[in-house]
N, C-alpha and C. Protein backbone atom coordinates (compact mmCIF):
# COMPACT_ATOMS: atom_id res chain seq x y z
N MET A 1 -13.33 18.00 6.19
CA MET A 1 -12.81 16.87 5.49
C MET A 1 -14.00 16.01 3.98
N LYS A 2 -12.63 16.09 3.69
CA LYS A 2 -13.59 15.46 2.12
C LYS A 2 -13.94 14.42 1.74
N ALA A 3 -14.83 14.04 0.96
CA ALA A 3 -15.78 13.19 0.38
C ALA A 3 -14.93 11.74 0.38
N PRO A 4 -15.23 10.74 0.53
CA PRO A 4 -13.82 9.33 0.26
C PRO A 4 -14.22 9.57 -1.37
N ALA A 5 -13.37 8.82 -1.43
CA ALA A 5 -13.26 8.95 -2.96
C ALA A 5 -14.13 8.08 -3.77
N THR A 6 -14.38 8.45 -4.92
CA THR A 6 -15.46 7.07 -5.44
C THR A 6 -14.81 6.95 -6.91
N ALA A 7 -15.20 5.71 -7.63
CA ALA A 7 -14.93 5.46 -8.93
C ALA A 7 -15.83 6.09 -9.76
N PRO A 8 -15.22 6.46 -11.36
CA PRO A 8 -16.05 6.89 -11.62
C PRO A 8 -17.08 5.91 -13.16
N ASP A 9 -18.07 6.74 -13.05
CA ASP A 9 -18.88 5.56 -14.29
C ASP A 9 -17.57 4.82 -15.10
N PRO A 10 -17.49 3.27 -15.35
CA PRO A 10 -16.54 2.55 -16.43
C PRO A 10 -16.91 3.37 -18.23
N GLY A 11 -16.16 3.78 -18.79
CA GLY A 11 -16.05 4.55 -20.05
C GLY A 11 -16.34 6.07 -20.42
N THR A 12 -16.99 6.42 -18.96
CA THR A 12 -17.23 7.93 -19.07
C THR A 12 -15.86 8.47 -18.38
N ALA A 13 -15.44 8.21 -17.90
CA ALA A 13 -14.41 9.21 -16.61
C ALA A 13 -13.04 8.41 -17.04
N ASP A 14 -12.27 9.17 -16.55
CA ASP A 14 -10.42 8.76 -16.47
C ASP A 14 -10.10 7.39 -15.14
N ALA A 15 -9.38 6.83 -15.74
CA ALA A 15 -9.39 5.46 -14.71
C ALA A 15 -8.30 6.60 -13.59
N SER A 16 -7.40 7.29 -13.76
CA SER A 16 -6.53 7.79 -12.44
C SER A 16 -7.61 8.08 -11.75
N LYS A 17 -9.01 8.90 -11.99
CA LYS A 17 -9.83 9.12 -10.99
C LYS A 17 -10.30 8.18 -9.87
N LEU A 18 -9.76 6.70 -10.16
CA LEU A 18 -10.48 5.92 -9.27
C LEU A 18 -9.77 5.91 -8.16
N GLY A 19 -10.34 5.36 -6.52
CA GLY A 19 -9.98 5.57 -5.45
C GLY A 19 -8.64 4.46 -5.58
N ALA A 20 -7.90 4.65 -4.73
CA ALA A 20 -6.58 3.76 -4.35
C ALA A 20 -6.79 2.06 -4.59
N LEU A 21 -7.67 2.02 -3.86
CA LEU A 21 -7.79 0.19 -3.62
C LEU A 21 -8.48 -0.11 -4.61
N SER A 22 -9.79 0.66 -5.16
CA SER A 22 -9.88 0.51 -6.73
C SER A 22 -9.29 0.24 -7.29
N GLN A 23 -8.66 1.35 -7.47
CA GLN A 23 -7.39 1.15 -8.67
C GLN A 23 -6.83 -0.15 -8.99
N LEU A 24 -6.49 -0.48 -7.75
CA LEU A 24 -5.60 -1.95 -7.29
C LEU A 24 -6.31 -2.94 -8.21
N VAL A 25 -7.60 -2.85 -7.79
CA VAL A 25 -8.68 -4.15 -8.02
C VAL A 25 -8.72 -4.10 -9.81
N GLN A 26 -8.86 -2.57 -9.77
CA GLN A 26 -9.15 -2.62 -11.71
C GLN A 26 -7.79 -2.88 -12.66
N GLU A 27 -6.58 -2.62 -11.85
CA GLU A 27 -5.06 -2.73 -12.14
C GLU A 27 -5.25 -4.41 -12.72
N ALA A 28 -5.59 -4.92 -11.58
CA ALA A 28 -5.49 -6.77 -11.53
C ALA A 28 -6.39 -7.07 -12.66
N ASN A 29 -7.57 -6.51 -12.50
CA ASN A 29 -8.37 -6.83 -14.06
C ASN A 29 -7.68 -6.23 -15.24
N ASP A 30 -7.07 -5.20 -15.49
CA ASP A 30 -6.41 -4.76 -17.00
C ASP A 30 -5.38 -5.67 -17.29
N LYS A 31 -4.48 -6.35 -15.98
CA LYS A 31 -3.83 -7.61 -16.50
C LYS A 31 -4.29 -8.98 -16.96
N GLY A 32 -5.46 -8.86 -16.56
CA GLY A 32 -6.20 -10.02 -17.28
C GLY A 32 -7.17 -11.19 -16.50
N LEU A 33 -7.05 -10.38 -15.32
CA LEU A 33 -7.56 -11.50 -13.87
C LEU A 33 -8.71 -11.04 -13.94
N SER A 34 -9.89 -12.00 -14.32
CA SER A 34 -11.43 -12.01 -14.65
C SER A 34 -11.86 -11.41 -12.71
N TYR A 35 -12.81 -10.90 -12.82
CA TYR A 35 -13.63 -10.86 -11.43
C TYR A 35 -13.81 -12.01 -10.80
N GLN A 36 -13.70 -13.15 -11.60
CA GLN A 36 -14.26 -14.48 -11.01
C GLN A 36 -13.68 -14.91 -10.27
N ASP A 37 -12.47 -14.46 -11.11
CA ASP A 37 -10.78 -15.45 -10.59
C ASP A 37 -10.11 -14.73 -9.58
N MET A 38 -10.35 -13.40 -9.28
CA MET A 38 -10.32 -12.58 -7.92
C MET A 38 -11.03 -13.07 -7.03
N ALA A 39 -12.38 -13.19 -7.39
CA ALA A 39 -13.33 -13.90 -6.16
C ALA A 39 -13.43 -15.33 -5.89
N ASP A 40 -12.81 -16.15 -6.72
CA ASP A 40 -12.30 -17.15 -5.71
C ASP A 40 -10.93 -17.17 -5.69
N ARG A 41 -10.51 -16.58 -5.22
CA ARG A 41 -8.88 -16.21 -4.77
C ARG A 41 -9.55 -15.61 -3.79
N ALA A 42 -10.53 -14.97 -3.41
CA ALA A 42 -10.63 -13.91 -2.63
C ALA A 42 -10.86 -14.08 -1.33
N VAL A 43 -10.25 -15.05 -0.61
CA VAL A 43 -10.64 -15.46 1.33
C VAL A 43 -9.67 -15.38 2.13
N ASP A 44 -10.43 -14.49 3.44
CA ASP A 44 -9.05 -14.52 4.58
C ASP A 44 -9.05 -16.10 4.75
N PRO A 45 -7.59 -16.72 4.86
CA PRO A 45 -8.04 -17.71 5.08
C PRO A 45 -8.23 -18.25 6.69
N GLU A 46 -7.88 -16.87 7.59
CA GLU A 46 -8.29 -16.99 9.12
C GLU A 46 -9.69 -16.92 9.94
N THR A 47 -10.48 -16.57 8.91
CA THR A 47 -11.65 -16.25 8.85
C THR A 47 -12.71 -16.81 8.09
N GLY A 48 -12.39 -17.17 6.92
CA GLY A 48 -13.59 -17.44 6.22
C GLY A 48 -13.63 -16.62 5.62
N THR A 49 -13.69 -15.32 5.56
CA THR A 49 -14.43 -14.04 5.08
C THR A 49 -14.11 -13.95 3.11
N ARG A 50 -15.02 -13.84 2.63
CA ARG A 50 -14.81 -13.80 1.40
C ARG A 50 -14.74 -12.71 0.67
N TYR A 51 -14.87 -12.56 -0.41
CA TYR A 51 -14.93 -10.77 -0.85
C TYR A 51 -15.53 -11.46 -2.44
N TYR A 52 -16.65 -11.01 -2.65
CA TYR A 52 -17.23 -11.63 -3.67
C TYR A 52 -17.32 -10.78 -5.12
N LYS A 53 -17.68 -11.69 -6.46
CA LYS A 53 -17.23 -10.95 -7.49
C LYS A 53 -18.44 -9.45 -7.66
N GLN A 54 -19.49 -9.28 -7.24
CA GLN A 54 -20.47 -8.20 -7.30
C GLN A 54 -19.01 -7.33 -6.28
N SER A 55 -18.77 -7.48 -4.99
CA SER A 55 -18.43 -6.72 -4.60
C SER A 55 -17.10 -6.04 -4.86
N LEU A 56 -16.05 -7.02 -5.96
CA LEU A 56 -14.86 -6.20 -6.23
C LEU A 56 -15.48 -5.61 -7.71
N GLN A 57 -16.25 -6.03 -8.11
CA GLN A 57 -16.83 -5.00 -9.28
C GLN A 57 -17.70 -4.06 -9.19
N LYS A 58 -18.54 -3.65 -7.46
CA LYS A 58 -18.87 -2.61 -7.20
C LYS A 58 -17.49 -1.72 -6.53
N LEU A 59 -16.54 -2.17 -6.18
CA LEU A 59 -15.53 -1.63 -5.41
C LEU A 59 -14.71 -0.79 -6.59
N VAL A 60 -14.71 -1.02 -7.67
CA VAL A 60 -14.22 -0.05 -9.03
C VAL A 60 -15.39 0.52 -9.49
N ARG A 61 -16.76 0.10 -9.65
CA ARG A 61 -17.51 1.00 -10.28
C ARG A 61 -18.05 2.22 -9.54
N ASN A 62 -18.38 1.58 -8.02
CA ASN A 62 -19.07 2.49 -7.16
C ASN A 62 -18.56 2.09 -6.20
N PRO A 63 -17.69 2.36 -5.44
CA PRO A 63 -17.39 1.89 -4.05
C PRO A 63 -18.28 2.53 -2.78
N PRO A 64 -17.85 1.56 -1.84
CA PRO A 64 -19.04 1.47 -0.45
C PRO A 64 -18.72 2.87 -0.05
N THR A 65 -19.42 3.85 0.89
CA THR A 65 -19.30 4.42 1.73
C THR A 65 -18.26 4.42 2.86
N ASN A 66 -18.02 2.99 2.97
CA ASN A 66 -17.55 2.81 4.46
C ASN A 66 -16.32 1.42 3.94
N PRO A 67 -14.91 1.62 4.36
CA PRO A 67 -13.84 0.76 3.71
C PRO A 67 -14.29 -0.39 4.05
N PRO A 68 -13.42 -1.61 3.33
CA PRO A 68 -13.34 -3.01 4.05
C PRO A 68 -12.83 -3.30 5.68
N THR A 69 -13.14 -4.43 6.08
CA THR A 69 -12.69 -4.62 7.27
C THR A 69 -11.58 -5.21 6.98
N PRO A 70 -11.01 -5.78 8.07
CA PRO A 70 -9.62 -6.29 7.97
C PRO A 70 -9.85 -7.44 7.09
N ALA A 71 -10.60 -8.38 7.93
CA ALA A 71 -10.50 -9.66 6.97
C ALA A 71 -10.82 -9.98 5.71
N GLN A 72 -11.81 -8.64 5.23
CA GLN A 72 -12.33 -8.28 3.78
C GLN A 72 -10.84 -7.52 2.56
N MET A 73 -10.09 -7.32 3.80
CA MET A 73 -8.34 -6.32 2.83
C MET A 73 -8.00 -7.77 2.92
N GLN A 74 -8.15 -8.85 4.03
CA GLN A 74 -7.20 -9.67 3.59
C GLN A 74 -7.10 -10.30 2.41
N ALA A 75 -8.67 -11.04 1.91
CA ALA A 75 -9.43 -11.71 0.97
C ALA A 75 -9.38 -10.61 -0.43
N ILE A 76 -9.26 -9.48 -0.26
CA ILE A 76 -8.95 -8.88 -1.42
C ILE A 76 -8.02 -9.01 -1.99
N ALA A 77 -6.65 -8.78 -1.27
CA ALA A 77 -5.64 -8.79 -0.86
C ALA A 77 -4.93 -10.10 -1.70
N ASN A 78 -5.36 -11.63 -1.42
CA ASN A 78 -5.81 -12.73 -1.94
C ASN A 78 -6.04 -13.07 -2.87
N GLY A 79 -6.75 -11.96 -3.15
CA GLY A 79 -7.80 -12.25 -4.83
C GLY A 79 -7.16 -11.31 -6.08
N ILE A 80 -6.42 -10.03 -5.64
CA ILE A 80 -5.78 -9.47 -6.23
C ILE A 80 -4.27 -10.10 -6.70
N GLY A 81 -3.71 -10.74 -5.33
CA GLY A 81 -2.61 -11.38 -5.82
C GLY A 81 -1.68 -10.43 -5.35
N ARG A 82 -2.04 -9.63 -4.05
CA ARG A 82 -0.89 -7.99 -3.65
C ARG A 82 -1.06 -8.69 -2.45
N PRO A 83 0.35 -8.04 -1.47
CA PRO A 83 0.89 -8.05 -0.18
C PRO A 83 -0.67 -7.41 0.37
N LEU A 84 -1.03 -8.22 1.71
CA LEU A 84 -1.74 -6.86 2.67
C LEU A 84 -1.50 -5.56 2.76
N ARG A 85 -0.06 -5.49 3.09
CA ARG A 85 -0.12 -3.99 3.63
C ARG A 85 -0.26 -3.16 2.15
N ILE A 86 -0.27 -3.36 1.45
CA ILE A 86 -0.33 -2.48 0.05
C ILE A 86 -2.04 -2.56 -0.19
N VAL A 87 -2.80 -3.40 0.27
CA VAL A 87 -4.31 -3.08 0.25
C VAL A 87 -4.36 -2.30 1.64
N GLN A 88 -3.93 -2.51 2.42
CA GLN A 88 -4.48 -1.53 3.73
C GLN A 88 -3.71 -0.51 3.20
N ALA A 89 -2.55 -0.29 2.72
CA ALA A 89 -2.35 1.37 2.39
C ALA A 89 -3.14 1.99 1.45
N ALA A 90 -3.48 1.29 0.31
CA ALA A 90 -4.65 1.74 -0.30
C ALA A 90 -5.83 1.87 -0.11
N ALA A 91 -6.51 1.29 0.70
CA ALA A 91 -7.90 1.33 1.73
C ALA A 91 -7.51 2.66 2.88
N ALA A 92 -6.72 3.00 3.10
CA ALA A 92 -5.98 3.68 3.96
C ALA A 92 -6.38 5.53 2.86
N LYS A 93 -5.76 5.28 1.75
CA LYS A 93 -5.96 6.64 1.11
C LYS A 93 -6.73 6.75 0.58
N GLN A 94 -7.74 5.39 0.12
CA GLN A 94 -8.85 6.08 -0.71
C GLN A 94 -10.40 6.32 0.66
N TRP A 95 -10.07 5.51 1.91
CA TRP A 95 -11.61 5.94 2.42
C TRP A 95 -10.77 7.05 3.72
N LEU A 96 -9.64 7.28 4.28
CA LEU A 96 -8.86 8.14 5.16
C LEU A 96 -8.41 9.33 4.19
N LEU A 97 -7.89 9.26 3.26
CA LEU A 97 -6.94 10.34 2.12
C LEU A 97 -5.95 10.39 3.46
N TYR A 98 -5.70 8.98 4.06
CA TYR A 98 -3.89 8.97 4.34
C TYR A 98 -3.09 8.44 3.71
N GLU A 99 -2.35 8.95 3.37
CA GLU A 99 -1.23 8.17 2.38
C GLU A 99 0.36 7.39 3.12
N ALA A 100 -0.22 6.30 3.29
CA ALA A 100 1.00 5.36 4.05
C ALA A 100 2.22 5.29 3.30
N THR A 101 3.53 5.99 4.62
CA THR A 101 4.77 5.31 3.73
C THR A 101 5.78 4.44 4.45
N GLU A 102 6.15 4.26 4.15
CA GLU A 102 7.17 2.72 4.72
C GLU A 102 8.56 2.79 4.30
N LEU A 103 9.62 2.28 4.65
CA LEU A 103 10.95 1.87 4.18
C LEU A 103 10.66 0.12 4.33
N SER A 104 10.03 -0.38 3.28
CA SER A 104 10.10 -1.70 2.89
C SER A 104 11.41 -2.18 2.86
N GLY A 105 11.57 -3.43 2.63
CA GLY A 105 13.03 -3.74 2.59
C GLY A 105 14.29 -3.83 3.43
N TYR A 106 13.55 -3.22 4.74
CA TYR A 106 14.33 -2.84 5.86
C TYR A 106 14.13 -3.27 6.96
N ASP A 107 14.64 -3.29 8.24
CA ASP A 107 14.54 -4.31 9.60
C ASP A 107 14.16 -3.04 10.75
N ALA A 108 13.62 -3.46 11.51
CA ALA A 108 13.25 -2.44 12.60
C ALA A 108 14.68 -1.55 12.96
N GLU A 109 15.45 -2.12 12.92
CA GLU A 109 16.61 -1.00 13.49
C GLU A 109 17.03 0.25 12.64
N VAL A 110 16.68 -0.56 11.27
CA VAL A 110 17.04 0.55 10.24
C VAL A 110 15.42 1.96 10.49
N ARG A 111 14.43 1.02 10.10
CA ARG A 111 13.09 1.97 10.62
C ARG A 111 13.56 2.75 11.94
N ILE A 112 14.24 2.41 13.08
CA ILE A 112 14.23 3.28 13.79
C ILE A 112 15.40 4.11 14.34
N ILE A 113 16.20 4.20 13.37
CA ILE A 113 16.77 5.19 13.10
C ILE A 113 16.79 6.21 11.99
N VAL A 114 15.84 5.55 11.06
CA VAL A 114 15.33 7.15 10.53
C VAL A 114 14.37 7.67 11.03
N GLY A 115 13.59 6.81 11.74
CA GLY A 115 12.48 7.82 12.34
C GLY A 115 13.09 8.73 13.95
N HIS A 116 14.27 8.43 14.05
CA HIS A 116 15.19 9.60 14.75
C HIS A 116 15.16 10.59 14.33
N LEU A 117 15.52 9.99 12.64
CA LEU A 117 16.52 11.81 12.38
C LEU A 117 15.35 12.23 11.34
N ALA A 118 14.01 11.84 11.11
CA ALA A 118 13.12 12.60 10.40
C ALA A 118 12.86 13.48 11.30
N GLY A 119 13.52 14.13 12.31
CA GLY A 119 12.84 15.65 12.87
C GLY A 119 13.88 16.80 12.83
N LYS A 120 14.89 15.55 12.63
CA LYS A 120 16.39 16.45 12.76
C LYS A 120 16.39 17.59 11.79
N SER A 121 17.69 19.03 11.82
CA SER A 121 17.56 19.77 10.85
C SER A 121 18.41 19.92 9.67
N ARG A 122 18.32 20.16 8.47
CA ARG A 122 19.46 19.93 7.72
C ARG A 122 20.41 20.06 8.53
N ALA A 123 21.46 20.51 9.27
CA ALA A 123 22.75 20.66 9.43
C ALA A 123 22.88 19.67 9.89
N GLU A 124 21.74 19.26 11.15
CA GLU A 124 22.32 17.51 11.73
C GLU A 124 21.95 16.46 10.91
N LEU A 125 21.26 16.96 10.08
CA LEU A 125 21.36 15.31 8.64
C LEU A 125 22.27 15.28 8.07
N LEU A 126 23.01 16.64 7.89
CA LEU A 126 24.30 16.56 7.44
C LEU A 126 24.98 16.04 8.39
N ARG A 127 25.74 16.50 9.57
CA ARG A 127 26.19 15.49 10.35
C ARG A 127 26.39 14.32 10.17
N TRP A 128 24.95 13.29 10.76
CA TRP A 128 24.58 12.45 10.88
C TRP A 128 25.69 11.39 9.11
N ARG A 129 25.23 12.38 8.05
CA ARG A 129 25.32 11.75 6.96
C ARG A 129 26.93 11.44 7.20
N MET A 130 27.18 12.71 7.12
CA MET A 130 28.96 12.90 7.10
C MET A 130 29.57 11.49 8.14
N MET A 131 29.01 11.09 9.66
CA MET A 131 29.48 10.23 10.47
C MET A 131 29.50 9.52 9.81
N ILE A 132 28.34 8.78 9.64
CA ILE A 132 28.15 6.97 8.86
C ILE A 132 29.08 6.97 7.52
N GLU A 133 29.39 8.05 6.71
CA GLU A 133 30.09 8.24 5.73
C GLU A 133 31.37 7.96 6.13
N ALA A 134 31.93 8.68 7.14
CA ALA A 134 33.48 8.20 7.99
C ALA A 134 33.64 7.14 8.23
N ASP A 135 32.36 6.14 9.06
CA ASP A 135 32.64 5.35 9.47
C ASP A 135 32.68 4.32 8.67
N GLU A 136 31.94 4.32 7.25
CA GLU A 136 32.31 3.16 6.16
C GLU A 136 33.82 3.42 5.70
N LYS A 137 34.31 4.46 5.43
CA LYS A 137 35.40 4.73 4.68
C LYS A 137 36.25 4.66 5.58
N ALA A 138 36.11 4.61 6.81
CA ALA A 138 37.73 3.77 7.74
C ALA A 138 37.19 2.29 7.79
N GLN A 139 36.17 1.59 7.82
CA GLN A 139 35.98 0.33 7.40
C GLN A 139 36.62 -0.51 6.59
N ARG A 140 36.67 0.75 5.15
CA ARG A 140 36.97 -0.02 4.17
C ARG A 140 38.23 -0.39 4.01
N GLU A 141 39.07 0.90 4.71
CA GLU A 141 40.62 0.92 4.99
C GLU A 141 41.41 0.03 5.66
N ALA A 142 40.55 -0.23 6.79
CA ALA A 142 40.53 -1.30 7.81
C ALA A 142 40.64 -2.57 7.31
N ASP A 143 39.34 -2.97 6.40
CA ASP A 143 39.48 -4.17 5.53
C ASP A 143 40.39 -3.97 4.70
N GLU A 144 41.11 -3.36 3.97
CA GLU A 144 42.00 -3.51 3.05
C GLU A 144 43.31 -3.57 3.97
N GLY A 145 43.76 -2.78 4.87
CA GLY A 145 44.71 -2.58 5.51
C GLY A 145 45.23 -4.19 6.16
């Protein structure tokens, strides 16, 4: 198994080498949010867990070997102004080498349907697509008539 992603020494390596969560924090800083501003906002309201300026800086410059806890991830999300799910996905990618994928913007029904179709053969997918498109066409024609 690969070792967890680590950040390069600032100024000596390409920023694209940063781990996914480290990159989110760096991007927030690049957009003008200081580490102190992030730290001031980096609080998990449920537990009171804080993520301090030094920890945010370390996350970018020399990431710890262990990922943040769930409460720390919420604090980081609040600190950088990003949704928790984005921070969780970035932490999974950085420390577990797992890339999360999701259908954002869709309800549970659509995700369930896509989940069922995910294992289908190309011919089965084409059949389902044709049925869906035929249904949509019939509905349009019924609405017009």
